[in-house]
């Protein structure tokens, strides 16, 4: 049995009303995919960086997951020469 570990790296940029997050994978043989997510604070809301980070990270990880599924589907199609039926 072979064991591999991939890490999800999250980096954030904040400007007071907007939080952006980039999610990427690192580790040996990790595919080069990444996702981005943005959270915007409503003007009437009290600033809370934690909420913006959580929402932006969730959106970035969701996009990362969709990128991985797309890559897997392409790999399956490359092996089978048929459309992949991969659901998320």
N, C-alpha and C. Protein backbone atom coordinates (compact mmCIF):
# COMPACT_ATOMS: atom_id res chain seq x y z
N UNK A 1 0.84 -1.17 0.00
CA UNK A 1 0.00 0.00 0.00
C UNK A 1 0.90 1.24 0.00
N UNK A 2 0.51 2.20 -0.82
CA UNK A 2 1.23 3.47 -0.91
C UNK A 2 0.41 4.55 -0.22
N UNK A 3 1.09 5.38 0.54
CA UNK A 3 0.42 6.49 1.21
C UNK A 3 0.92 7.80 0.63
N UNK A 4 0.00 8.69 0.33
CA UNK A 4 0.34 10.03 -0.13
C UNK A 4 -0.37 11.04 0.75
N UNK A 5 0.24 12.17 0.93
CA UNK A 5 -0.37 13.26 1.67
C UNK A 5 -0.33 14.52 0.84
N UNK A 6 -1.47 15.15 0.74
CA UNK A 6 -1.57 16.47 0.12
C UNK A 6 -2.04 17.43 1.20
N UNK A 7 -1.55 18.62 1.15
CA UNK A 7 -1.98 19.67 2.08
C UNK A 7 -2.73 20.74 1.31
N UNK A 8 -3.77 21.26 1.92
CA UNK A 8 -4.48 22.40 1.34
C UNK A 8 -3.91 23.65 1.98
N UNK A 9 -3.36 24.51 1.16
CA UNK A 9 -2.80 25.78 1.63
C UNK A 9 -3.80 26.88 1.33
N UNK A 10 -4.13 27.66 2.34
CA UNK A 10 -5.06 28.78 2.19
C UNK A 10 -4.30 30.07 2.45
N UNK A 11 -4.43 31.01 1.53
CA UNK A 11 -3.84 32.34 1.74
C UNK A 11 -4.94 33.38 1.57
N UNK A 12 -4.89 34.40 2.40
CA UNK A 12 -5.95 35.41 2.44
C UNK A 12 -5.42 36.80 2.16
N UNK A 13 -6.27 37.61 1.56
CA UNK A 13 -6.04 39.04 1.39
C UNK A 13 -7.32 39.74 1.82
N UNK A 14 -7.17 40.75 2.69
CA UNK A 14 -8.35 41.46 3.19
C UNK A 14 -8.15 42.96 3.02
N UNK A 15 -9.25 43.65 2.75
CA UNK A 15 -9.17 45.11 2.62
C UNK A 15 -10.21 45.84 3.47
N UNK A 16 -10.84 45.14 4.40
CA UNK A 16 -11.83 45.78 5.26
C UNK A 16 -13.27 45.49 4.86
N UNK A 17 -13.54 45.42 3.57
CA UNK A 17 -14.89 45.08 3.12
C UNK A 17 -14.90 43.80 2.29
N UNK A 18 -13.73 43.30 1.93
CA UNK A 18 -13.65 42.13 1.06
C UNK A 18 -12.52 41.23 1.55
N UNK A 19 -12.78 39.93 1.56
CA UNK A 19 -11.75 38.94 1.88
C UNK A 19 -11.64 37.99 0.70
N UNK A 20 -10.43 37.82 0.21
CA UNK A 20 -10.17 36.88 -0.88
C UNK A 20 -9.31 35.74 -0.33
N UNK A 21 -9.57 34.55 -0.82
CA UNK A 21 -8.81 33.38 -0.40
C UNK A 21 -8.37 32.59 -1.63
N UNK A 22 -7.15 32.11 -1.58
CA UNK A 22 -6.66 31.19 -2.61
C UNK A 22 -6.37 29.86 -1.93
N UNK A 23 -6.94 28.78 -2.45
CA UNK A 23 -6.71 27.43 -1.94
C UNK A 23 -5.90 26.67 -2.98
N UNK A 24 -4.82 26.07 -2.53
CA UNK A 24 -3.99 25.28 -3.45
C UNK A 24 -3.50 24.03 -2.72
N UNK A 25 -3.11 23.04 -3.50
CA UNK A 25 -2.61 21.80 -2.95
C UNK A 25 -1.09 21.79 -2.98
N UNK A 26 -0.49 21.24 -1.95
CA UNK A 26 0.96 21.05 -1.95
C UNK A 26 1.25 19.64 -1.46
N UNK A 27 2.41 19.18 -1.80
CA UNK A 27 2.84 17.84 -1.41
C UNK A 27 3.35 17.09 -2.62
N UNK A 28 4.08 16.01 -2.37
CA UNK A 28 4.59 15.22 -3.48
C UNK A 28 3.45 14.72 -4.36
N UNK A 29 3.59 14.92 -5.64
CA UNK A 29 2.61 14.46 -6.63
C UNK A 29 1.25 15.13 -6.53
N UNK A 30 1.14 16.21 -5.79
CA UNK A 30 -0.14 16.93 -5.72
C UNK A 30 -0.40 17.59 -7.07
N UNK A 31 -1.63 17.47 -7.56
CA UNK A 31 -1.93 18.11 -8.84
C UNK A 31 -1.91 19.64 -8.69
N UNK A 32 -1.54 20.31 -9.73
CA UNK A 32 -1.46 21.77 -9.70
C UNK A 32 -2.79 22.43 -9.92
N UNK A 33 -3.70 22.29 -8.98
CA UNK A 33 -5.00 22.95 -9.09
C UNK A 33 -5.16 23.93 -7.94
N UNK A 34 -5.96 24.94 -8.19
CA UNK A 34 -6.25 25.89 -7.12
C UNK A 34 -7.65 26.44 -7.30
N UNK A 35 -8.15 26.99 -6.23
CA UNK A 35 -9.46 27.61 -6.26
C UNK A 35 -9.39 28.96 -5.57
N UNK A 36 -10.32 29.82 -5.93
CA UNK A 36 -10.38 31.14 -5.30
C UNK A 36 -11.79 31.37 -4.77
N UNK A 37 -11.86 32.14 -3.71
CA UNK A 37 -13.15 32.48 -3.12
C UNK A 37 -13.10 33.90 -2.59
N UNK A 38 -14.23 34.57 -2.66
CA UNK A 38 -14.31 35.95 -2.20
C UNK A 38 -15.54 36.10 -1.31
N UNK A 39 -15.38 36.84 -0.22
CA UNK A 39 -16.50 37.21 0.65
C UNK A 39 -16.51 38.73 0.76
N UNK A 40 -17.68 39.29 0.65
CA UNK A 40 -17.84 40.75 0.76
C UNK A 40 -18.73 41.06 1.95
N UNK A 41 -18.31 42.04 2.74
CA UNK A 41 -19.10 42.46 3.90
C UNK A 41 -20.14 43.46 3.46
N UNK A 42 -21.34 43.25 3.91
CA UNK A 42 -22.40 44.21 3.65
C UNK A 42 -22.08 45.50 4.40
N UNK A 43 -22.32 46.67 3.81
CA UNK A 43 -21.95 47.93 4.45
C UNK A 43 -22.53 48.10 5.86
N UNK A 44 -23.68 47.54 6.15
CA UNK A 44 -24.28 47.69 7.46
C UNK A 44 -23.81 46.70 8.51
N UNK A 45 -23.03 45.70 8.09
CA UNK A 45 -22.56 44.67 9.03
C UNK A 45 -21.34 45.14 9.80
N UNK A 46 -21.23 44.64 11.02
CA UNK A 46 -20.05 44.91 11.84
C UNK A 46 -18.87 44.12 11.28
N UNK A 47 -17.71 44.74 11.12
CA UNK A 47 -16.54 44.01 10.60
C UNK A 47 -16.18 42.82 11.50
N UNK A 48 -15.96 41.67 10.89
CA UNK A 48 -15.51 40.47 11.60
C UNK A 48 -14.69 39.65 10.62
N UNK A 49 -13.37 39.77 10.72
CA UNK A 49 -12.46 39.11 9.77
C UNK A 49 -12.66 37.60 9.74
N UNK A 50 -12.99 37.01 10.89
CA UNK A 50 -13.15 35.56 10.96
C UNK A 50 -14.25 35.08 10.03
N UNK A 51 -15.38 35.79 10.00
CA UNK A 51 -16.50 35.38 9.14
C UNK A 51 -16.10 35.48 7.68
N UNK A 52 -15.45 36.56 7.29
CA UNK A 52 -15.00 36.71 5.91
C UNK A 52 -14.03 35.63 5.51
N UNK A 53 -13.10 35.28 6.41
CA UNK A 53 -12.13 34.22 6.12
C UNK A 53 -12.82 32.88 5.96
N UNK A 54 -13.76 32.58 6.85
CA UNK A 54 -14.47 31.30 6.77
C UNK A 54 -15.23 31.17 5.45
N UNK A 55 -15.95 32.21 5.08
CA UNK A 55 -16.74 32.16 3.86
C UNK A 55 -15.86 32.11 2.61
N UNK A 56 -14.83 32.95 2.57
CA UNK A 56 -13.92 32.95 1.42
C UNK A 56 -13.20 31.61 1.30
N UNK A 57 -12.78 31.03 2.44
CA UNK A 57 -12.10 29.72 2.41
C UNK A 57 -13.04 28.63 1.92
N UNK A 58 -14.29 28.65 2.39
CA UNK A 58 -15.26 27.64 1.94
C UNK A 58 -15.46 27.72 0.43
N UNK A 59 -15.57 28.93 -0.08
CA UNK A 59 -15.76 29.10 -1.53
C UNK A 59 -14.53 28.68 -2.31
N UNK A 60 -13.35 28.99 -1.79
CA UNK A 60 -12.11 28.59 -2.47
C UNK A 60 -11.95 27.07 -2.47
N UNK A 61 -12.27 26.43 -1.35
CA UNK A 61 -12.16 24.97 -1.27
C UNK A 61 -13.19 24.29 -2.17
N UNK A 62 -14.37 24.87 -2.28
CA UNK A 62 -15.39 24.33 -3.17
C UNK A 62 -14.90 24.38 -4.62
N UNK A 63 -14.33 25.51 -5.01
CA UNK A 63 -13.81 25.63 -6.37
C UNK A 63 -12.65 24.66 -6.59
N UNK A 64 -11.80 24.50 -5.59
CA UNK A 64 -10.69 23.54 -5.66
C UNK A 64 -11.24 22.13 -5.88
N UNK A 65 -12.27 21.76 -5.14
CA UNK A 65 -12.88 20.44 -5.29
C UNK A 65 -13.43 20.23 -6.69
N UNK A 66 -14.09 21.25 -7.24
CA UNK A 66 -14.63 21.13 -8.60
C UNK A 66 -13.50 20.99 -9.63
N UNK A 67 -12.40 21.69 -9.40
CA UNK A 67 -11.25 21.56 -10.30
C UNK A 67 -10.69 20.14 -10.26
N UNK A 68 -10.62 19.56 -9.06
CA UNK A 68 -10.12 18.18 -8.93
C UNK A 68 -11.04 17.19 -9.63
N UNK A 69 -12.34 17.35 -9.47
CA UNK A 69 -13.30 16.47 -10.14
C UNK A 69 -13.15 16.59 -11.66
N UNK A 70 -13.01 17.81 -12.14
CA UNK A 70 -12.82 18.01 -13.58
C UNK A 70 -11.55 17.35 -14.09
N UNK A 71 -10.49 17.46 -13.32
CA UNK A 71 -9.23 16.82 -13.71
C UNK A 71 -9.38 15.30 -13.71
N UNK A 72 -10.05 14.76 -12.70
CA UNK A 72 -10.26 13.31 -12.63
C UNK A 72 -11.10 12.84 -13.81
N UNK A 73 -12.13 13.60 -14.16
CA UNK A 73 -12.97 13.23 -15.30
C UNK A 73 -12.15 13.20 -16.59
N UNK A 74 -11.30 14.18 -16.77
CA UNK A 74 -10.44 14.19 -17.96
C UNK A 74 -9.51 12.99 -17.98
N UNK A 75 -8.97 12.63 -16.82
CA UNK A 75 -8.08 11.47 -16.75
C UNK A 75 -8.83 10.18 -17.06
N UNK A 76 -10.05 10.04 -16.55
CA UNK A 76 -10.86 8.85 -16.84
C UNK A 76 -11.13 8.77 -18.34
N UNK A 77 -11.53 9.89 -18.94
CA UNK A 77 -11.81 9.91 -20.37
C UNK A 77 -10.56 9.58 -21.18
N UNK A 78 -9.40 9.99 -20.70
CA UNK A 78 -8.16 9.66 -21.38
C UNK A 78 -7.85 8.17 -21.35
N UNK A 79 -8.28 7.50 -20.30
CA UNK A 79 -8.05 6.06 -20.18
C UNK A 79 -9.12 5.23 -20.89
N UNK A 80 -10.36 5.67 -20.82
CA UNK A 80 -11.46 4.87 -21.35
C UNK A 80 -11.88 5.28 -22.76
N UNK A 81 -11.49 6.49 -23.16
CA UNK A 81 -11.90 7.06 -24.45
C UNK A 81 -13.43 7.18 -24.57
N UNK A 82 -14.06 7.40 -23.42
CA UNK A 82 -15.51 7.63 -23.35
C UNK A 82 -15.76 8.75 -22.37
N UNK A 83 -16.92 9.40 -22.49
CA UNK A 83 -17.24 10.45 -21.52
C UNK A 83 -17.30 9.88 -20.09
N UNK A 84 -16.71 10.60 -19.17
CA UNK A 84 -16.73 10.16 -17.77
C UNK A 84 -18.06 10.53 -17.13
N UNK A 85 -18.54 9.64 -16.30
CA UNK A 85 -19.79 9.89 -15.55
C UNK A 85 -19.41 10.03 -14.08
N UNK A 86 -18.88 11.19 -13.74
CA UNK A 86 -18.42 11.43 -12.37
C UNK A 86 -19.32 12.50 -11.76
N UNK A 87 -19.97 12.15 -10.70
CA UNK A 87 -20.85 13.09 -10.01
C UNK A 87 -20.12 13.67 -8.79
N UNK A 88 -20.52 14.86 -8.43
CA UNK A 88 -19.92 15.46 -7.24
C UNK A 88 -20.98 15.62 -6.19
